[in-house]
Amino acid sequence: MSRENKPRALYLHVPFCRSICFYCDFTHRVYRGEDADRWLKALEKELSAKEIRRDLTTMYIGGGTPTSLTAAQLERLLTLLDPYTGSLQEFTVEINPETLDEEKAAILKAHGVNRASIGFQTADEKLLKMMGRRHSFKDVGNCVSLLKDAGIGNLSLDLMYSLPEQTMAGLKKDIEAALSLAPKHLSLYSLIIEDNTVFGKKGYTPLDEETEADMYEYICRVLPEKGYRQYEISNFAVPGYESRHNLVYWHYEDFYGISAGASGKEDHCRYDNTASLKEYLQDPLKKEITPLSKEDEMFETVMMGLRLKAGISMSAFQDRYGISFSEAFSGKAAALLRKGVLVAEGDMLRCAGDHYHLLNSVLSDLL
């Protein structure tokens, strides 16, 4: 692939946390300084071996918890990335509130970070404890203040709903608390319990489907009233502050995946870097590569694009694949249009509002 056709977005995974949340199934381990130092050395080897373009437009450092690193380690990480940040329009770092201090905030700003995604989750102290979180709502407020004082004002808050024992009244309080911090962006995710988590092993379950649906309906109604436009199933933003990096995924564009536990997509292939830190330290280029057929890519384009409130451009789909959407999915698309599950407006094809939260079943019908 020529350099001009290489991705313009990069995701880097930090596989460390100061503590493990009971619902989390991402690649992570409890932070140890020695492990983090060895990881940084392996990361330097991976970055040196990959041909990464220097004019990236978005970069996202997630985890894990990037700010679980010490200030010196965070400085080293961002210094390794400096060669690729000169043209960034958006540079996001994920933060757990209790792991940020004034020094780390200043380091982030000095290296060009201009957006932060903060793990708020809930303002309910009892639920936070049940989830294994180590912060309070006061910590979230302090984190927001530190970032704004450092000059990073584009802030996103992650919230969770359908938590065990959570009530509708509790969700309303959570949203009020989040809005009091005036974030530019809000991501709200329903709890999914994976087997390989503390919640899964303890037999916890989310709320019933009806209550979860009521919560989602409330979220979708109240946030636009407060000035946050829903642009994706789980994401709301003050207009102009939509996540540019995540739009790369939803528009099915290519992106680099860096570090243990990261995935990427390049040149009609998806790849998954080893999730084992031990294996990554031994070989930071170890990965599993999955070639993508044209049919794979067409379906995944639709799968990601229909997550967007605006939907997908049918002309862009045809330009990309040389076949119309209706031809690619034969009579199935027409049937969904007749049923009102999908809606065509001009060039855009989107999921109808009352079917939006049932996107998985819509995609299953298309498949």
Protein backbone atom coordinates (compact mmCIF):
# COMPACT_ATOMS: atom_id res chain seq x y z
CA MET A 1 0.00 0.00 0.00
CA SER A 2 1.37 3.43 -0.91
CA ARG A 3 1.95 5.90 1.88
CA GLU A 4 -0.84 8.11 0.46
CA ASN A 5 -3.36 5.28 0.96
CA LYS A 6 -2.30 4.43 4.47
CA PRO A 7 -4.65 5.17 7.40
CA ARG A 8 -4.99 8.67 8.79
CA ALA A 9 -6.12 7.44 12.20
CA LEU A 10 -4.26 5.58 14.94
CA TYR A 11 -5.48 3.76 18.04
CA LEU A 12 -2.98 2.85 20.77
CA HIS A 13 -3.90 0.55 23.65
CA VAL A 14 -2.37 0.96 27.11
CA PRO A 15 -2.89 -2.44 28.78
CA PHE A 16 -2.62 -1.32 32.40
CA CYS A 17 -5.06 -0.23 35.10
CA ARG A 18 -4.47 0.72 38.72
CA SER A 19 -7.42 -1.53 39.58
CA ILE A 20 -9.72 -3.82 37.60
CA CYS A 21 -13.36 -2.82 37.12
CA PHE A 22 -15.74 -5.70 37.67
CA TYR A 23 -17.51 -5.31 34.29
CA CYS A 24 -14.45 -4.83 32.07
CA ASP A 25 -13.45 -7.39 29.44
CA PHE A 26 -10.79 -5.34 27.61
CA THR A 27 -7.13 -6.35 27.51
CA HIS A 28 -5.64 -5.11 30.76
CA ARG A 29 -3.66 -6.06 33.83
CA VAL A 30 -2.97 -4.40 37.16
CA TYR A 31 -0.23 -1.79 36.79
CA ARG A 32 3.32 -2.68 37.79
CA GLY A 33 6.06 -0.15 37.10
CA GLU A 34 8.53 -2.72 35.79
CA ASP A 35 5.95 -4.17 33.38
CA ALA A 36 5.09 -0.70 32.11
CA ASP A 37 8.75 0.12 31.49
CA ARG A 38 9.21 -3.10 29.52
CA TRP A 39 6.00 -2.39 27.58
CA LEU A 40 7.30 1.05 26.58
CA LYS A 41 10.49 -0.54 25.20
CA ALA A 42 8.45 -3.05 23.18
CA LEU A 43 6.17 -0.25 21.99
CA GLU A 44 9.15 1.70 20.72
CA LYS A 45 10.17 -1.36 18.67
CA GLU A 46 6.67 -1.71 17.22
CA LEU A 47 6.45 1.96 16.24
CA SER A 48 9.90 1.81 14.63
CA ALA A 49 8.97 -1.28 12.61
CA LYS A 50 5.65 0.06 11.30
CA GLU A 51 5.48 2.54 8.45
CA ILE A 52 3.11 5.07 9.99
CA ARG A 53 2.29 8.21 8.05
CA ARG A 54 3.25 11.46 9.74
CA ASP A 55 0.14 13.42 8.71
CA LEU A 56 -2.42 11.55 10.79
CA THR A 57 -5.69 13.39 11.45
CA THR A 58 -6.83 11.56 14.60
CA MET A 59 -5.14 9.63 17.39
CA TYR A 60 -6.80 7.89 20.31
CA ILE A 61 -4.99 6.44 23.32
CA GLY A 62 -7.26 4.06 25.21
CA GLY A 63 -7.02 1.09 27.47
CA GLY A 64 -6.83 0.01 30.12
CA THR A 65 -6.08 3.35 31.68
CA PRO A 66 -3.42 5.48 29.94
CA THR A 67 -3.14 7.72 33.01
CA SER A 68 -2.37 4.70 35.21
CA LEU A 69 1.21 5.27 33.99
CA THR A 70 3.46 7.46 36.11
CA ALA A 71 4.08 11.01 34.91
CA ALA A 72 7.53 9.97 33.63
CA GLN A 73 6.10 6.98 31.75
CA LEU A 74 3.28 9.06 30.29
CA GLU A 75 5.87 11.59 29.13
CA ARG A 76 7.88 8.83 27.48
CA LEU A 77 4.80 7.38 25.77
CA LEU A 78 3.75 10.72 24.33
CA THR A 79 7.31 11.52 23.26
CA LEU A 80 7.35 8.28 21.24
CA LEU A 81 4.20 9.50 19.49
CA ASP A 82 5.37 13.07 18.87
CA PRO A 83 6.56 12.35 15.29
CA TYR A 84 2.97 11.49 14.31
CA THR A 85 1.01 14.28 16.01
CA GLY A 86 1.91 17.37 14.00
CA SER A 87 -1.19 17.31 11.79
CA LEU A 88 -3.73 15.92 14.26
CA GLN A 89 -7.15 17.50 14.30
CA GLU A 90 -8.17 15.45 17.33
CA PHE A 91 -5.93 13.77 19.92
CA THR A 92 -7.87 11.91 22.61
CA VAL A 93 -6.67 10.19 25.78
CA GLU A 94 -8.87 8.08 28.06
CA ILE A 95 -8.68 8.96 31.75
CA ASN A 96 -9.92 7.43 34.99
CA PRO A 97 -10.58 10.39 37.31
CA GLU A 98 -8.52 9.19 40.27
CA THR A 99 -5.39 8.70 38.14
CA LEU A 100 -4.99 12.28 36.91
CA ASP A 101 -3.04 15.03 38.66
CA GLU A 102 -1.82 18.48 37.68
CA GLU A 103 1.52 17.19 36.39
CA LYS A 104 -0.06 14.59 34.11
CA ALA A 105 -2.59 17.12 32.80
CA ALA A 106 0.26 19.49 31.90
CA ILE A 107 2.12 16.66 30.13
CA LEU A 108 -0.94 15.82 28.05
CA LYS A 109 -1.36 19.44 26.99
CA ALA A 110 2.36 19.86 26.21
CA HIS A 111 2.21 16.95 23.74
CA GLY A 112 -0.85 18.21 21.89
CA VAL A 113 -3.65 16.24 23.50
CA ASN A 114 -6.81 18.29 22.88
CA ARG A 115 -9.57 15.91 23.95
CA ALA A 116 -10.13 13.64 26.94
CA SER A 117 -12.60 10.82 27.51
CA ILE A 118 -13.31 10.47 31.23
CA GLY A 119 -14.71 7.36 32.92
CA PHE A 120 -17.64 8.87 34.84
CA GLN A 121 -19.94 5.78 34.71
CA THR A 122 -22.32 6.84 37.52
CA ALA A 123 -22.55 9.38 40.32
CA ASP A 124 -24.01 6.77 42.69
CA GLU A 125 -21.30 5.92 45.26
CA LYS A 126 -22.90 2.56 46.05
CA LEU A 127 -22.98 1.52 42.39
CA LEU A 128 -19.41 2.72 41.85
CA LYS A 129 -18.24 0.50 44.69
CA MET A 130 -20.22 -2.45 43.33
CA MET A 131 -18.53 -1.92 39.93
CA GLY A 132 -15.05 -1.91 41.45
CA ARG A 133 -14.49 1.75 40.59
CA ARG A 134 -12.03 3.67 42.77
CA HIS A 135 -13.33 7.20 42.24
CA SER A 136 -16.18 9.40 43.43
CA PHE A 137 -18.22 12.06 41.66
CA LYS A 138 -16.02 14.64 43.39
CA ASP A 139 -12.98 13.02 41.72
CA VAL A 140 -14.67 13.44 38.33
CA GLY A 141 -15.21 17.13 39.03
CA ASN A 142 -11.58 17.54 40.09
CA CYS A 143 -10.44 15.74 36.92
CA VAL A 144 -12.53 18.06 34.74
CA SER A 145 -11.09 21.11 36.54
CA LEU A 146 -7.50 19.89 36.11
CA LEU A 147 -7.99 19.36 32.38
CA LYS A 148 -9.70 22.70 31.81
CA ASP A 149 -7.03 24.50 33.84
CA ALA A 150 -4.41 22.83 31.62
CA GLY A 151 -6.19 24.09 28.51
CA ILE A 152 -7.98 20.88 27.47
CA GLY A 153 -11.65 21.78 27.24
CA ASN A 154 -13.00 19.21 24.75
CA LEU A 155 -14.18 16.66 27.31
CA SER A 156 -16.30 13.55 26.91
CA LEU A 157 -17.89 11.61 29.77
CA ASP A 158 -18.67 7.87 29.66
CA LEU A 159 -21.81 6.79 31.53
CA MET A 160 -23.29 3.34 32.02
CA TYR A 161 -26.92 2.34 32.50
CA SER A 162 -28.87 -0.86 33.11
CA LEU A 163 -26.57 -1.49 36.06
CA PRO A 164 -27.73 -4.01 38.69
CA GLU A 165 -29.95 -2.23 41.23
CA GLN A 166 -29.94 1.01 39.20
CA THR A 167 -33.30 2.82 39.02
CA MET A 168 -34.71 5.30 36.55
CA ALA A 169 -34.49 7.96 39.25
CA GLY A 170 -30.82 7.07 39.70
CA LEU A 171 -30.15 7.38 35.96
CA LYS A 172 -31.78 10.81 35.92
CA LYS A 173 -29.51 11.92 38.77
CA ASP A 174 -26.48 10.58 36.90
CA ILE A 175 -27.35 12.58 33.80
CA GLU A 176 -27.99 15.72 35.84
CA ALA A 177 -24.63 15.27 37.57
CA ALA A 178 -22.84 14.73 34.24
CA LEU A 179 -24.48 17.79 32.67
CA SER A 180 -23.43 19.93 35.65
CA LEU A 181 -19.82 19.44 34.45
CA ALA A 182 -20.68 20.88 31.00
CA PRO A 183 -18.96 18.22 28.84
CA LYS A 184 -18.88 18.63 25.08
CA HIS A 185 -19.67 14.95 24.49
CA LEU A 186 -21.47 12.12 26.27
CA SER A 187 -21.26 8.36 25.61
CA LEU A 188 -23.89 6.21 27.31
CA TYR A 189 -23.56 2.44 27.23
CA SER A 190 -25.88 -0.25 28.54
CA LEU A 191 -24.17 -2.84 30.71
CA ILE A 192 -23.14 -6.01 28.89
CA ILE A 193 -21.90 -8.73 31.21
CA GLU A 194 -19.16 -10.92 29.73
CA ASP A 195 -18.36 -14.34 31.20
CA ASN A 196 -14.71 -13.49 31.82
CA THR A 197 -15.42 -10.58 34.17
CA VAL A 198 -16.00 -10.36 37.92
CA PHE A 199 -19.66 -9.55 37.22
CA GLY A 200 -19.93 -12.61 34.99
CA LYS A 201 -18.27 -14.92 37.50
CA LYS A 202 -20.46 -13.62 40.31
CA GLY A 203 -23.63 -14.12 38.28
CA TYR A 204 -24.68 -10.46 38.08
CA THR A 205 -27.30 -9.57 35.47
CA PRO A 206 -28.32 -6.28 33.85
CA LEU A 207 -31.79 -4.87 34.37
CA ASP A 208 -34.72 -6.37 32.49
CA GLU A 209 -35.12 -5.45 28.81
CA GLU A 210 -38.16 -3.24 29.37
CA THR A 211 -36.43 -1.11 32.01
CA GLU A 212 -33.30 -0.86 29.87
CA ALA A 213 -35.41 0.23 26.88
CA ASP A 214 -37.15 2.85 29.04
CA MET A 215 -33.75 4.17 30.15
CA TYR A 216 -32.51 4.39 26.58
CA GLU A 217 -35.70 6.18 25.51
CA TYR A 218 -35.24 8.70 28.33
CA ILE A 219 -31.60 9.31 27.38
CA CYS A 220 -32.51 9.85 23.72
CA ARG A 221 -35.25 12.30 24.69
CA VAL A 222 -33.62 14.39 27.40
CA LEU A 223 -30.10 14.90 26.04
CA PRO A 224 -31.23 16.63 22.81
CA GLU A 225 -33.37 18.89 24.99
CA LYS A 226 -30.15 19.89 26.79
CA GLY A 227 -28.31 20.70 23.56
CA TYR A 228 -26.62 17.33 22.87
CA ARG A 229 -27.33 15.97 19.40
CA GLN A 230 -27.48 12.21 19.08
CA TYR A 231 -25.25 11.25 16.15
CA GLU A 232 -24.69 7.55 16.91
CA ILE A 233 -26.56 4.89 18.87
CA SER A 234 -24.70 5.57 22.13
CA ASN A 235 -23.14 8.98 21.49
CA PHE A 236 -24.33 12.56 21.94
CA ALA A 237 -22.42 15.78 21.36
CA VAL A 238 -22.71 19.52 21.36
CA PRO A 239 -22.82 20.20 17.59
CA GLY A 240 -19.26 20.33 16.24
CA TYR A 241 -17.84 18.14 19.01
CA GLU A 242 -18.63 14.71 17.59
CA SER A 243 -15.75 12.25 18.06
CA ARG A 244 -13.71 12.48 14.85
CA HIS A 245 -11.76 9.36 15.71
CA ASN A 246 -14.82 7.21 16.31
CA LEU A 247 -16.32 8.50 13.07
CA VAL A 248 -13.37 6.79 11.36
CA TYR A 249 -14.71 3.47 12.65
CA TRP A 250 -18.34 4.23 11.80
CA HIS A 251 -17.42 5.35 8.29
CA TYR A 252 -15.44 2.11 7.97
CA GLU A 253 -12.14 3.77 7.20
CA ASP A 254 -8.76 2.18 7.84
CA PHE A 255 -6.81 2.80 11.06
CA TYR A 256 -3.61 1.66 12.71
CA GLY A 257 -3.87 -0.52 15.82
CA ILE A 258 -0.83 -0.23 18.08
CA SER A 259 0.20 -2.21 21.20
CA ALA A 260 -0.99 -5.37 22.93
CA GLY A 261 -4.74 -5.85 22.69
CA ALA A 262 -5.25 -3.35 19.86
CA SER A 263 -6.95 -4.08 16.56
CA GLY A 264 -6.48 -2.29 13.26
CA LYS A 265 -7.71 -2.33 9.67
CA GLU A 266 -5.44 -1.77 6.69
CA ASP A 267 -5.40 -2.72 3.01
CA HIS A 268 -8.52 -4.97 3.08
CA CYS A 269 -7.35 -6.83 6.20
CA ARG A 270 -8.29 -6.64 9.84
CA TYR A 271 -5.64 -7.54 12.39
CA ASP A 272 -5.63 -8.22 16.11
CA ASN A 273 -2.40 -7.72 17.99
CA THR A 274 -1.65 -10.33 20.63
CA ALA A 275 -3.62 -9.70 23.80
CA SER A 276 -0.93 -11.34 25.91
CA LEU A 277 1.45 -8.82 27.45
CA LYS A 278 4.06 -11.58 27.84
CA GLU A 279 3.89 -12.40 24.12
CA TYR A 280 3.90 -8.71 23.18
CA LEU A 281 7.06 -8.08 25.18
CA GLN A 282 8.74 -10.95 23.34
CA ASP A 283 7.42 -9.97 19.89
CA PRO A 284 5.61 -6.61 19.61
CA LEU A 285 4.70 -7.36 15.98
CA LYS A 286 2.79 -10.56 16.74
CA LYS A 287 -0.73 -10.39 15.38
CA GLU A 288 -3.53 -12.38 13.77
CA ILE A 289 -4.49 -11.12 10.30
CA THR A 290 -7.94 -11.67 8.77
CA PRO A 291 -8.33 -10.93 5.03
CA LEU A 292 -11.61 -9.18 4.23
CA SER A 293 -13.57 -10.12 1.11
CA LYS A 294 -15.61 -7.55 -0.79
CA GLU A 295 -18.74 -9.08 0.74
CA ASP A 296 -17.24 -8.78 4.23
CA GLU A 297 -16.41 -5.14 3.65
CA MET A 298 -19.82 -4.28 2.19
CA PHE A 299 -21.62 -5.79 5.15
CA GLU A 300 -19.29 -4.22 7.71
CA THR A 301 -19.67 -0.83 5.99
CA VAL A 302 -23.42 -1.12 6.52
CA MET A 303 -23.04 -2.57 10.02
CA MET A 304 -20.96 0.40 11.12
CA GLY A 305 -22.71 3.06 9.05
CA LEU A 306 -26.22 2.28 10.27
CA ARG A 307 -25.01 3.00 13.81
CA LEU A 308 -24.93 6.64 12.76
CA LYS A 309 -28.14 8.59 13.17
CA ALA A 310 -27.69 9.98 9.67
CA GLY A 311 -27.09 6.50 8.24
CA ILE A 312 -25.02 5.71 5.15
CA SER A 313 -24.62 7.43 1.80
CA MET A 314 -25.87 5.11 -0.93
CA SER A 315 -23.87 6.92 -3.63
CA ALA A 316 -20.69 6.61 -1.55
CA PHE A 317 -21.44 2.90 -1.08
CA GLN A 318 -21.79 2.44 -4.85
CA ASP A 319 -18.65 4.47 -5.59
CA ARG A 320 -16.71 2.37 -3.10
CA TYR A 321 -17.88 -1.08 -4.20
CA GLY A 322 -19.13 -0.63 -7.76
CA ILE A 323 -22.55 -2.02 -6.87
CA SER A 324 -25.67 -0.38 -5.48
CA PHE A 325 -26.81 -1.06 -1.94
CA SER A 326 -30.07 -2.62 -3.17
CA GLU A 327 -28.17 -4.95 -5.53
CA ALA A 328 -25.68 -5.92 -2.83
CA PHE A 329 -28.42 -6.93 -0.43
CA SER A 330 -30.98 -8.01 -3.06
CA GLY A 331 -34.59 -8.01 -1.90
CA LYS A 332 -33.73 -7.91 1.78
CA ALA A 333 -33.15 -4.17 1.78
CA ALA A 334 -36.37 -3.54 -0.15
CA ALA A 335 -38.31 -5.62 2.37
CA LEU A 336 -36.88 -3.63 5.28
CA LEU A 337 -37.74 -0.39 3.49
CA ARG A 338 -41.31 -1.57 2.92
CA LYS A 339 -41.63 -2.48 6.59
CA GLY A 340 -40.34 0.94 7.61
CA VAL A 341 -37.37 -0.56 9.43
CA LEU A 342 -35.00 1.30 7.09
CA VAL A 343 -35.74 4.78 5.75
CA ALA A 344 -34.35 6.31 2.55
CA GLU A 345 -34.14 10.09 2.45
CA GLY A 346 -32.41 11.43 -0.64
CA ASP A 347 -29.01 9.77 -0.79
CA MET A 348 -29.03 8.60 2.83
CA LEU A 349 -30.24 5.28 4.15
CA ARG A 350 -30.80 5.05 7.89
CA CYS A 351 -32.44 2.95 10.55
CA ALA A 352 -35.90 4.22 11.51
CA GLY A 353 -36.01 5.82 14.94
CA ASP A 354 -38.23 3.21 16.57
CA HIS A 355 -35.94 0.44 15.31
CA TYR A 356 -32.66 2.19 16.11
CA HIS A 357 -32.11 0.40 19.43
CA LEU A 358 -32.81 -2.92 17.68
CA LEU A 359 -30.00 -2.48 15.16
CA ASN A 360 -28.59 -5.97 15.72
CA SER A 361 -31.79 -7.59 14.54
CA VAL A 362 -31.92 -5.24 11.52
CA LEU A 363 -28.39 -6.30 10.54
CA SER A 364 -29.31 -9.93 11.08
CA ASP A 365 -32.16 -9.52 8.60
CA LEU A 366 -29.79 -7.94 6.05
CA LEU A 367 -27.22 -10.68 6.52
